Protein backbone atom coordinates (compact mmCIF):
# COMPACT_ATOMS: atom_id res chain seq x y z
CA MET A 1 27.89 -43.06 -14.45
CA ALA A 2 25.75 -45.23 -16.70
CA ASP A 3 25.08 -44.05 -20.24
CA GLN A 4 21.66 -42.54 -20.85
CA PRO A 5 19.36 -45.00 -22.67
CA ALA A 6 19.21 -44.27 -26.38
CA ASP A 7 15.40 -44.01 -26.34
CA GLN A 8 15.33 -41.45 -23.49
CA PRO A 9 15.49 -37.84 -24.70
CA ALA A 10 18.15 -35.63 -23.19
CA ALA A 11 17.00 -32.98 -20.74
CA GLN A 12 16.45 -29.69 -22.48
CA PRO A 13 18.19 -26.74 -20.72
CA ALA A 14 15.29 -24.40 -21.45
CA ALA A 15 12.75 -26.85 -20.08
CA LEU A 16 14.86 -27.45 -16.96
CA GLU A 17 15.17 -23.71 -16.41
CA GLY A 18 11.40 -23.41 -16.57
CA VAL A 19 10.94 -26.22 -14.04
CA LEU A 20 13.38 -24.60 -11.62
CA ARG A 21 11.67 -21.24 -12.02
CA ILE A 22 8.27 -22.75 -11.19
CA LEU A 23 9.73 -24.42 -8.10
CA GLN A 24 11.34 -21.14 -7.03
CA ILE A 25 8.06 -19.23 -7.33
CA ASN A 26 6.12 -21.96 -5.55
CA GLU A 27 8.53 -22.19 -2.62
CA ALA A 28 8.88 -18.44 -2.06
CA HIS A 29 5.88 -18.42 0.26
CA ILE A 30 7.70 -20.80 2.65
CA CYS A 31 10.52 -18.31 3.16
CA GLY A 32 7.95 -15.57 3.70
CA HIS A 33 6.16 -17.62 6.36
CA MET A 34 9.44 -18.30 8.16
CA LEU A 35 10.29 -14.60 8.17
CA GLN A 36 6.83 -13.80 9.53
CA LEU A 37 7.28 -16.34 12.33
CA ALA A 38 10.62 -14.81 13.30
CA ALA A 39 8.99 -11.38 13.35
CA GLU A 40 6.05 -12.63 15.40
CA LEU A 41 8.45 -14.10 17.99
CA GLY A 42 10.55 -10.91 18.13
CA ILE A 43 13.77 -12.82 17.46
CA ALA A 44 15.67 -9.78 16.14
CA ASP A 45 15.05 -7.78 19.32
CA LEU A 46 16.23 -10.75 21.41
CA LEU A 47 19.46 -10.87 19.38
CA ALA A 48 20.07 -7.12 19.47
CA ALA A 49 22.44 -7.42 22.47
CA GLY A 50 24.53 -10.20 20.91
CA PRO A 51 24.69 -13.87 19.92
CA ARG A 52 22.40 -16.40 21.58
CA ASP A 53 21.69 -20.09 21.17
CA ALA A 54 18.35 -21.58 20.16
CA ALA A 55 17.68 -23.03 23.61
CA GLY A 56 17.77 -19.62 25.29
CA LEU A 57 15.71 -18.02 22.53
CA ALA A 58 13.19 -20.86 22.78
CA ALA A 59 12.79 -20.28 26.52
CA ASP A 60 12.08 -16.58 25.90
CA THR A 61 9.59 -17.21 23.10
CA GLY A 62 7.74 -20.28 24.32
CA SER A 63 9.12 -22.40 21.48
CA ASP A 64 10.49 -25.91 21.13
CA PRO A 65 14.31 -25.58 21.08
CA ASP A 66 14.90 -28.02 18.22
CA ALA A 67 12.09 -26.60 16.09
CA LEU A 68 13.30 -23.03 16.68
CA HIS A 69 16.87 -24.03 15.84
CA ARG A 70 15.67 -25.40 12.50
CA LEU A 71 13.77 -22.20 11.73
CA LEU A 72 16.78 -20.02 12.59
CA ARG A 73 19.13 -22.27 10.60
CA PHE A 74 16.88 -21.91 7.57
CA LEU A 75 16.82 -18.11 7.89
CA ALA A 76 20.59 -18.07 8.42
CA GLY A 77 20.82 -19.73 5.02
CA GLN A 78 18.78 -16.82 3.65
CA GLY A 79 21.15 -14.19 5.07
CA ILE A 80 18.86 -13.03 7.91
CA PHE A 81 20.95 -14.53 10.74
CA THR A 82 24.34 -16.21 11.03
CA GLU A 83 25.14 -19.30 13.09
CA ASP A 84 28.62 -19.76 14.62
CA ASP A 85 30.44 -22.99 15.43
CA ALA A 86 29.00 -22.95 18.97
CA GLY A 87 25.43 -22.92 17.62
CA ARG A 88 24.78 -19.28 18.56
CA PHE A 89 22.81 -17.03 16.24
CA SER A 90 23.50 -13.38 15.43
CA LEU A 91 21.83 -10.72 13.30
CA THR A 92 23.17 -9.81 9.89
CA PRO A 93 22.80 -6.24 8.54
CA THR A 94 19.77 -7.54 6.65
CA GLY A 95 18.27 -9.10 9.78
CA ASP A 96 18.78 -5.83 11.66
CA CYS A 97 15.75 -4.49 9.76
CA LEU A 98 13.57 -6.83 11.86
CA ARG A 99 14.43 -4.99 15.08
CA SER A 100 11.63 -2.83 16.43
CA ASP A 101 14.04 0.09 17.03
CA HIS A 102 15.67 0.04 13.59
CA PRO A 103 15.15 3.33 11.70
CA GLN A 104 13.93 1.35 8.68
CA SER A 105 12.21 -1.37 10.70
CA LEU A 106 10.14 -3.87 8.74
CA LEU A 107 8.81 -5.60 11.84
CA ASP A 108 5.26 -4.26 11.56
CA LEU A 109 5.24 -5.01 7.83
CA LEU A 110 6.06 -8.67 8.46
CA ARG A 111 3.55 -8.94 11.27
CA TRP A 112 0.92 -7.42 8.99
CA SER A 113 1.98 -9.88 6.27
CA THR A 114 0.67 -12.75 8.40
CA VAL A 115 -2.81 -11.27 7.85
CA VAL A 116 -2.19 -11.01 4.12
CA SER A 117 -1.03 -14.64 4.03
CA ARG A 118 -4.17 -15.76 5.83
CA THR A 119 -6.31 -13.82 3.37
CA PHE A 120 -4.64 -15.50 0.40
CA GLN A 121 -5.78 -18.87 1.68
CA ASP A 122 -9.24 -17.71 0.52
CA ALA A 123 -8.03 -16.13 -2.72
CA ARG A 124 -10.08 -18.63 -4.71
CA TYR A 125 -13.14 -16.72 -3.48
CA SER A 126 -11.82 -13.57 -5.18
CA LEU A 127 -11.18 -15.46 -8.41
CA ARG A 128 -14.67 -16.92 -8.35
CA THR A 129 -16.54 -13.72 -7.49
CA GLY A 130 -14.24 -10.79 -8.31
CA LEU A 131 -14.76 -9.63 -4.71
CA PRO A 132 -12.19 -9.26 -1.91
CA ALA A 133 -11.40 -12.39 0.08
CA PHE A 134 -10.64 -10.53 3.31
CA PRO A 135 -14.26 -10.45 4.57
CA GLU A 136 -14.54 -14.14 3.74
CA ALA A 137 -11.44 -14.87 5.83
CA PHE A 138 -12.03 -12.46 8.74
CA GLY A 139 -15.76 -11.75 8.75
CA GLN A 140 -15.46 -7.98 8.12
CA PRO A 141 -14.16 -5.65 5.41
CA LEU A 142 -10.52 -4.74 5.95
CA PHE A 143 -10.82 -1.21 7.30
CA GLU A 144 -13.66 -2.15 9.67
CA TYR A 145 -11.55 -5.04 10.96
CA LEU A 146 -8.56 -2.75 11.54
CA ARG A 147 -10.79 -0.32 13.44
CA ASP A 148 -12.19 -3.07 15.67
CA HIS A 149 -8.85 -4.87 16.24
CA PRO A 150 -6.40 -2.17 17.39
CA GLU A 151 -3.38 -4.47 17.64
CA VAL A 152 -3.73 -5.57 14.02
CA GLY A 153 -4.55 -1.99 13.08
CA GLY A 154 -1.32 -0.91 14.74
CA HIS A 155 0.67 -3.40 12.67
CA PHE A 156 -1.08 -2.19 9.51
CA ASN A 157 -0.38 1.47 10.28
CA GLY A 158 3.21 0.61 11.15
CA ALA A 159 3.57 -1.30 7.88
CA MET A 160 2.21 1.62 5.88
CA ALA A 161 4.54 3.99 7.75
CA GLY A 162 7.41 1.65 6.89
CA PHE A 163 6.51 1.86 3.21
CA SER A 164 6.33 5.65 3.52
CA ARG A 165 9.78 5.81 5.09
CA LEU A 166 11.20 3.78 2.23
CA GLU A 167 9.34 5.70 -0.47
CA SER A 168 9.28 9.25 0.88
CA ALA A 169 12.76 10.28 -0.22
CA ALA A 170 12.12 8.81 -3.67
CA VAL A 171 8.91 10.83 -4.02
CA THR A 172 10.20 14.11 -2.63
CA GLY A 173 13.32 13.88 -4.79
CA ALA A 174 11.47 13.18 -8.03
CA TYR A 175 8.95 16.02 -8.19
CA ASP A 176 9.30 19.80 -7.87
CA PHE A 177 7.31 20.70 -4.77
CA SER A 178 8.92 24.13 -4.39
CA GLY A 179 5.91 26.12 -5.61
CA ALA A 180 3.40 24.56 -3.22
CA ARG A 181 1.97 26.91 -0.59
CA VAL A 182 -0.59 24.61 1.06
CA VAL A 183 -0.19 20.84 0.67
CA VAL A 184 -3.22 18.70 1.55
CA ASP A 185 -2.27 15.07 2.15
CA VAL A 186 -5.49 13.06 1.91
CA ALA A 187 -5.42 9.87 4.01
CA GLY A 188 -1.78 10.57 4.75
CA GLY A 189 -1.39 8.01 7.53
CA ASP A 190 1.04 9.02 10.27
CA GLY A 191 2.23 12.02 8.26
CA THR A 192 5.63 10.67 7.18
CA LEU A 193 5.48 12.01 3.62
CA LEU A 194 3.94 15.36 4.55
CA ALA A 195 6.48 15.91 7.34
CA ASP A 196 9.35 15.27 4.92
CA LEU A 197 7.84 17.70 2.41
CA LEU A 198 7.40 20.44 5.00
CA LYS A 199 10.94 20.01 6.29
CA ALA A 200 12.29 20.28 2.75
CA HIS A 201 10.15 23.35 1.96
CA PRO A 202 10.03 25.69 4.98
CA ALA A 203 7.66 28.17 3.29
CA ALA A 204 4.92 25.57 2.79
CA GLU A 205 2.05 24.71 5.11
CA GLY A 206 0.29 21.39 5.36
CA VAL A 207 -3.07 19.79 6.07
CA LEU A 208 -3.28 16.09 6.83
CA MET A 209 -6.70 14.43 6.61
CA GLU A 210 -7.22 11.00 8.13
CA GLN A 211 -9.67 8.84 10.03
CA PRO A 212 -10.24 9.77 13.69
CA HIS A 213 -8.28 6.80 15.09
CA VAL A 214 -5.23 7.72 12.95
CA VAL A 215 -4.98 11.51 13.35
CA VAL A 216 -3.70 11.30 16.94
CA GLY A 217 -0.51 9.57 15.83
CA ALA A 218 -0.02 12.06 13.01
CA ALA A 219 -0.44 15.02 15.37
CA ARG A 220 2.22 13.54 17.67
CA ARG A 221 4.63 13.17 14.75
CA PHE A 222 4.22 16.81 13.68
CA GLU A 223 4.68 18.00 17.25
CA ALA A 224 7.81 15.87 17.73
CA GLU A 225 9.31 17.24 14.51
CA GLY A 226 8.49 20.88 15.32
CA LEU A 227 5.93 21.19 12.53
CA SER A 228 2.70 21.74 14.49
CA ALA A 229 2.61 25.46 13.71
CA ARG A 230 2.73 24.74 9.97
CA CYS A 231 0.52 21.69 9.76
CA ARG A 232 -3.13 21.15 10.63
CA VAL A 233 -4.52 17.67 11.26
CA VAL A 234 -8.20 17.06 10.54
CA SER A 235 -10.38 13.96 10.59
CA GLY A 236 -12.86 13.29 7.86
CA ASP A 237 -14.28 11.03 5.17
CA PHE A 238 -12.65 11.37 1.76
CA PHE A 239 -15.81 10.10 0.07
CA ASP A 240 -17.64 13.15 1.37
CA GLU A 241 -15.61 16.33 1.81
CA ILE A 242 -11.92 17.14 1.49
CA PRO A 243 -10.36 20.33 2.92
CA ALA A 244 -10.37 23.23 0.48
CA ALA A 245 -7.73 25.94 0.07
CA GLY A 246 -4.93 23.62 -0.98
CA ASP A 247 -2.93 24.35 -4.09
CA LEU A 248 -1.43 20.84 -4.04
CA TYR A 249 -3.38 17.70 -3.12
CA ILE A 250 -1.73 14.32 -2.55
CA LEU A 251 -3.26 10.86 -2.65
CA LYS A 252 -0.47 8.38 -2.01
CA SER A 253 -1.33 4.69 -2.38
CA ILE A 254 -5.03 5.45 -1.87
CA ILE A 255 -6.82 5.10 -5.20
CA HIS A 256 -5.48 1.57 -5.71
CA ASP A 257 -7.44 0.48 -2.62
CA TRP A 258 -10.74 0.96 -4.42
CA ALA A 259 -12.70 -0.29 -7.40
CA ASP A 260 -13.52 2.28 -10.06
CA ASP A 261 -16.84 3.54 -8.63
CA ASP A 262 -15.42 4.29 -5.18
CA ALA A 263 -12.15 5.61 -6.61
CA LEU A 264 -14.20 8.03 -8.72
CA ARG A 265 -16.04 9.25 -5.61
CA ILE A 266 -12.71 10.10 -3.96
CA LEU A 267 -11.37 11.87 -7.03
CA THR A 268 -14.62 13.80 -7.44
CA ALA A 269 -14.41 14.96 -3.82
CA CYS A 270 -10.86 16.14 -4.50
CA ARG A 271 -12.00 17.99 -7.61
CA ARG A 272 -14.69 19.81 -5.61
CA ALA A 273 -12.07 20.99 -3.13
CA MET A 274 -9.57 22.14 -5.77
CA ALA A 275 -9.27 25.70 -7.01
CA PRO A 276 -8.69 26.33 -10.74
CA GLY A 277 -4.92 26.45 -10.27
CA SER A 278 -4.63 23.47 -7.91
CA ARG A 279 -2.80 20.27 -8.74
CA LEU A 280 -3.52 16.71 -7.64
CA LEU A 281 -0.78 14.10 -7.33
CA LEU A 282 -1.68 10.43 -7.44
CA ILE A 283 1.32 8.49 -6.15
CA GLU A 284 0.76 4.90 -7.21
CA SER A 285 2.30 1.84 -8.82
CA VAL A 286 1.42 1.97 -12.52
CA VAL A 287 0.90 -1.33 -14.34
CA PRO A 288 3.44 -1.67 -17.17
CA PRO A 289 2.34 -2.84 -20.62
CA GLY A 290 2.45 -6.36 -22.01
CA ASN A 291 4.55 -9.01 -20.30
CA THR A 292 6.84 -6.52 -18.60
CA PRO A 293 7.35 -7.63 -14.98
CA GLY A 294 6.59 -5.09 -12.30
CA GLU A 295 5.78 -4.62 -8.64
CA ALA A 296 2.43 -3.18 -9.70
CA LYS A 297 1.29 -6.54 -11.04
CA LEU A 298 1.97 -8.18 -7.68
CA ARG A 299 0.27 -5.37 -5.78
CA ASP A 300 -2.69 -5.67 -8.13
CA VAL A 301 -3.59 -9.18 -6.97
CA VAL A 302 -3.00 -8.14 -3.35
CA MET A 303 -5.47 -5.26 -3.80
CA LEU A 304 -8.01 -7.62 -5.37
CA THR A 305 -7.78 -10.05 -2.47
CA LEU A 306 -7.68 -7.57 0.41
CA LEU A 307 -9.97 -4.79 -0.73
CA GLY A 308 -11.36 -5.41 -4.18
CA GLY A 309 -9.17 -2.55 -5.41
CA ARG A 310 -6.74 -2.60 -8.31
CA GLU A 311 -3.54 -1.17 -9.74
CA ARG A 312 -4.08 0.60 -13.05
CA THR A 313 -2.32 1.41 -16.28
CA ARG A 314 -1.53 5.00 -17.22
CA GLU A 315 -4.45 4.98 -19.65
CA GLU A 316 -6.85 3.68 -17.00
CA TYR A 317 -5.80 6.47 -14.63
CA ALA A 318 -6.31 9.04 -17.38
CA GLN A 319 -9.86 7.75 -18.01
CA LEU A 320 -10.73 7.71 -14.31
CA LEU A 321 -9.41 11.23 -13.77
CA GLY A 322 -11.32 12.44 -16.82
CA LYS A 323 -14.60 11.21 -15.33
CA ALA A 324 -13.84 13.26 -12.21
CA GLY A 325 -13.27 16.46 -14.18
CA LEU A 326 -9.48 16.19 -14.06
CA ARG A 327 -6.87 15.95 -16.80
CA LEU A 328 -3.75 13.80 -16.52
CA GLY A 329 -0.56 15.70 -17.22
CA GLN A 330 2.99 14.54 -16.63
CA VAL A 331 3.82 11.16 -15.11
CA VAL A 332 7.05 11.22 -13.12
CA ALA A 333 9.09 8.11 -12.30
CA THR A 334 10.68 7.78 -8.86
CA ARG A 335 13.48 5.64 -7.47
CA SER A 336 10.86 3.25 -6.14
CA PRO A 337 7.99 1.20 -7.61
CA LEU A 338 5.82 4.33 -7.40
CA GLN A 339 5.12 6.92 -10.06
CA ILE A 340 3.68 10.41 -9.62
CA LEU A 341 0.69 11.17 -11.82
CA GLU A 342 -0.04 14.89 -11.92
CA ALA A 343 -3.61 16.01 -12.66
CA VAL A 344 -5.23 19.41 -12.99
CA PRO A 345 -8.84 20.53 -13.40
CA SER A 346 -10.00 19.99 -16.94
CA ASP A 347 -12.32 23.05 -16.95
């Protein structure tokens, strides 16, 4: 190897590390897109019965065999699949999570992520205006679009249920729910968290409030799990009126969807429904201070781009709750990116 010219400075390890880190961050979206394509094609379900080559998978998915082989080879290098000497691909334990029948399936989450990726192509609009880019990309606000496009709405609901499955045990194990008599889960999706709470606390009853097109799925879940007698499902608008008579109210991953004015309307509606001894739990990602990395900081820019919402610091939550007539008490960490912020009426 030739000697380095005397007038050329030697590469600095710290500078090189920074360059590699920038490249790693920049290229991460490529891996995400490849995962989303594999999910969209249903590759994991096609491999559930055993190894297959790219040609057969291409015939089943309407793909070009060479192009599909290159995609699968890339994902094999990421630990999603493996390729044997005969050119056949199999699922790894990690790739199993892309099967539709896996108990912790992430298939809907990845299919929903294609919508998020498309939205981020217009993220410059959010930076310029401070408004969500989703209506710019899709012509409607997010929740209206989900209502009018049931297939996409199904992927969204499945993605949120997937998050709930991953987070539910962390939440139920971190907070003492034993004293709750009536738990009201506001915008509780398909009821995953509330069902887990009721199963863990047989003396408690539940109320799940959701939009009309969501409550049917929640009712089916409670019936399938033998909880219908202890849990009532109601449809409603959390900006307007929230069921009374609960001694514990839950808002999980709801307030971060909204800018301060709308978030305050939801919290104020909760306060009106609460009795003097009631508690409200906000289950959210809390933005850490300073330069501390955190999932909340990623979710924050996602909320900006999709909905115009935001993740908040502990102090920002305390201020918002105070405006709604609520006082922030303990903040409980969980074995997940979420924290539980407990609030009680301030008067």
